[in-house]
Amino acid sequence: MIIRHVFSIVGLVIASIMGIYAQDITYFLNEKYPELGLGVVITVLTLMSISLFLIIFINTR
C-alpha cells in the first residue's frame, strides 16, 4: 500500500515537471534533434503529462 502511494507521488511530480517545463524540454530536444518538429514534441509532452495525471487519478480511486 505504501509503495502505491510513493509511486503516485513520484508520478505526480514527474507529470508536473513535464507540464511546467514542456516548452524548455521541446527547445532542448529541437537543438539536439532538429528533424523533430516543435509542435509535435510539445504536443507529445503535454499529452504525456495529462495522461499521467489521469492515470494516477484513476488508479488511486
N, C-alpha and C. Protein backbone atom coordinates (compact mmCIF):
# COMPACT_ATOMS: atom_id res chain seq x y z
N MET A 1 0.82 -1.20 0.00
CA MET A 1 0.00 0.00 0.00
C MET A 1 0.87 1.26 0.00
N ILE A 2 1.92 1.25 0.77
CA ILE A 2 2.78 2.44 0.86
C ILE A 2 3.54 2.64 -0.45
N ILE A 3 3.88 1.54 -1.11
CA ILE A 3 4.59 1.65 -2.39
C ILE A 3 3.69 2.30 -3.43
N ARG A 4 2.40 1.99 -3.39
CA ARG A 4 1.45 2.59 -4.31
C ARG A 4 1.38 4.11 -4.13
N HIS A 5 1.42 4.55 -2.87
CA HIS A 5 1.39 5.98 -2.60
C HIS A 5 2.69 6.66 -3.05
N VAL A 6 3.80 5.97 -2.86
CA VAL A 6 5.09 6.54 -3.29
C VAL A 6 5.10 6.69 -4.81
N PHE A 7 4.65 5.66 -5.53
CA PHE A 7 4.60 5.75 -6.99
C PHE A 7 3.65 6.85 -7.45
N SER A 8 2.55 7.02 -6.73
CA SER A 8 1.60 8.07 -7.08
C SER A 8 2.22 9.45 -6.91
N ILE A 9 2.93 9.66 -5.81
CA ILE A 9 3.56 10.96 -5.56
C ILE A 9 4.65 11.22 -6.58
N VAL A 10 5.47 10.22 -6.86
CA VAL A 10 6.54 10.38 -7.85
C VAL A 10 5.95 10.66 -9.22
N GLY A 11 4.88 9.96 -9.58
CA GLY A 11 4.23 10.20 -10.86
C GLY A 11 3.65 11.59 -10.97
N LEU A 12 3.05 12.09 -9.88
CA LEU A 12 2.53 13.46 -9.89
C LEU A 12 3.63 14.49 -10.04
N VAL A 13 4.76 14.24 -9.40
CA VAL A 13 5.90 15.16 -9.52
C VAL A 13 6.42 15.15 -10.96
N ILE A 14 6.56 13.98 -11.55
CA ILE A 14 7.05 13.89 -12.93
C ILE A 14 6.07 14.55 -13.89
N ALA A 15 4.77 14.30 -13.70
CA ALA A 15 3.76 14.91 -14.57
C ALA A 15 3.78 16.43 -14.44
N SER A 16 3.96 16.93 -13.22
CA SER A 16 4.02 18.39 -13.02
C SER A 16 5.25 18.99 -13.68
N ILE A 17 6.39 18.34 -13.52
CA ILE A 17 7.62 18.84 -14.14
C ILE A 17 7.49 18.83 -15.66
N MET A 18 6.94 17.75 -16.20
CA MET A 18 6.75 17.70 -17.65
C MET A 18 5.80 18.78 -18.13
N GLY A 19 4.75 19.05 -17.37
CA GLY A 19 3.81 20.08 -17.77
C GLY A 19 4.39 21.48 -17.68
N ILE A 20 5.16 21.73 -16.63
CA ILE A 20 5.72 23.07 -16.42
C ILE A 20 6.86 23.35 -17.40
N TYR A 21 7.73 22.37 -17.59
CA TYR A 21 8.92 22.59 -18.41
C TYR A 21 8.82 22.00 -19.81
N ALA A 22 7.62 21.78 -20.30
CA ALA A 22 7.44 21.17 -21.63
C ALA A 22 8.08 22.02 -22.72
N GLN A 23 7.93 23.33 -22.63
CA GLN A 23 8.48 24.19 -23.68
C GLN A 23 10.00 24.17 -23.65
N ASP A 24 10.60 24.21 -22.46
CA ASP A 24 12.06 24.15 -22.37
C ASP A 24 12.60 22.81 -22.87
N ILE A 25 11.91 21.73 -22.51
CA ILE A 25 12.32 20.40 -22.99
C ILE A 25 12.20 20.33 -24.51
N THR A 26 11.17 20.94 -25.05
CA THR A 26 10.98 20.95 -26.50
C THR A 26 12.11 21.68 -27.21
N TYR A 27 12.49 22.84 -26.70
CA TYR A 27 13.60 23.58 -27.31
C TYR A 27 14.91 22.82 -27.20
N PHE A 28 15.13 22.15 -26.05
CA PHE A 28 16.34 21.35 -25.87
C PHE A 28 16.39 20.21 -26.89
N LEU A 29 15.26 19.49 -27.03
CA LEU A 29 15.22 18.38 -27.99
C LEU A 29 15.34 18.87 -29.42
N ASN A 30 14.84 20.07 -29.71
CA ASN A 30 14.96 20.63 -31.05
C ASN A 30 16.40 20.98 -31.39
N GLU A 31 17.17 21.41 -30.40
CA GLU A 31 18.59 21.69 -30.65
C GLU A 31 19.36 20.40 -30.91
N LYS A 32 19.02 19.34 -30.17
CA LYS A 32 19.72 18.06 -30.34
C LYS A 32 19.25 17.31 -31.59
N TYR A 33 17.95 17.35 -31.85
CA TYR A 33 17.36 16.64 -32.98
C TYR A 33 16.51 17.62 -33.79
N PRO A 34 17.14 18.36 -34.70
CA PRO A 34 16.40 19.39 -35.44
C PRO A 34 15.31 18.84 -36.37
N GLU A 35 15.36 17.54 -36.69
CA GLU A 35 14.34 16.99 -37.58
C GLU A 35 12.99 16.82 -36.88
N LEU A 36 12.99 16.86 -35.54
CA LEU A 36 11.72 16.80 -34.79
C LEU A 36 11.06 18.17 -34.84
N GLY A 37 9.80 18.19 -35.15
CA GLY A 37 9.07 19.46 -35.18
C GLY A 37 8.73 19.94 -33.78
N LEU A 38 8.75 21.25 -33.60
CA LEU A 38 8.44 21.81 -32.28
C LEU A 38 7.02 21.48 -31.86
N GLY A 39 6.09 21.60 -32.77
CA GLY A 39 4.69 21.35 -32.45
C GLY A 39 4.43 19.91 -32.05
N VAL A 40 5.11 18.99 -32.72
CA VAL A 40 4.93 17.57 -32.42
C VAL A 40 5.46 17.25 -31.03
N VAL A 41 6.64 17.73 -30.71
CA VAL A 41 7.26 17.41 -29.43
C VAL A 41 6.47 18.00 -28.28
N ILE A 42 6.06 19.26 -28.39
CA ILE A 42 5.33 19.87 -27.27
C ILE A 42 3.96 19.23 -27.11
N THR A 43 3.35 18.79 -28.21
CA THR A 43 2.07 18.08 -28.12
C THR A 43 2.24 16.75 -27.42
N VAL A 44 3.28 16.00 -27.77
CA VAL A 44 3.53 14.71 -27.13
C VAL A 44 3.81 14.89 -25.64
N LEU A 45 4.63 15.85 -25.28
CA LEU A 45 4.93 16.08 -23.86
C LEU A 45 3.69 16.50 -23.08
N THR A 46 2.89 17.34 -23.67
CA THR A 46 1.66 17.79 -22.99
C THR A 46 0.69 16.63 -22.81
N LEU A 47 0.52 15.83 -23.84
CA LEU A 47 -0.38 14.68 -23.72
C LEU A 47 0.14 13.65 -22.72
N MET A 48 1.46 13.47 -22.66
CA MET A 48 2.03 12.55 -21.67
C MET A 48 1.79 13.06 -20.26
N SER A 49 1.93 14.35 -20.05
CA SER A 49 1.70 14.94 -18.74
C SER A 49 0.24 14.78 -18.31
N ILE A 50 -0.67 15.10 -19.20
CA ILE A 50 -2.10 14.97 -18.89
C ILE A 50 -2.46 13.50 -18.66
N SER A 51 -1.90 12.61 -19.47
CA SER A 51 -2.17 11.18 -19.30
C SER A 51 -1.70 10.67 -17.95
N LEU A 52 -0.52 11.11 -17.52
CA LEU A 52 -0.02 10.71 -16.20
C LEU A 52 -0.96 11.16 -15.10
N PHE A 53 -1.42 12.40 -15.17
CA PHE A 53 -2.37 12.88 -14.16
C PHE A 53 -3.63 12.02 -14.15
N LEU A 54 -4.18 11.72 -15.32
CA LEU A 54 -5.41 10.94 -15.40
C LEU A 54 -5.20 9.50 -14.92
N ILE A 55 -4.11 8.88 -15.32
CA ILE A 55 -3.85 7.51 -14.91
C ILE A 55 -3.67 7.41 -13.41
N ILE A 56 -2.94 8.33 -12.83
CA ILE A 56 -2.74 8.33 -11.38
C ILE A 56 -4.06 8.55 -10.65
N PHE A 57 -4.88 9.46 -11.16
CA PHE A 57 -6.17 9.72 -10.54
C PHE A 57 -7.06 8.49 -10.60
N ILE A 58 -7.08 7.79 -11.73
CA ILE A 58 -7.92 6.62 -11.88
C ILE A 58 -7.42 5.46 -11.01
N ASN A 59 -6.10 5.28 -10.94
CA ASN A 59 -5.54 4.16 -10.18
C ASN A 59 -5.63 4.35 -8.67
N THR A 60 -5.71 5.56 -8.18
CA THR A 60 -5.75 5.78 -6.74
C THR A 60 -7.17 5.77 -6.19
N ARG A 61 -8.16 5.63 -7.01
CA ARG A 61 -9.55 5.60 -6.54
C ARG A 61 -9.90 4.27 -6.00
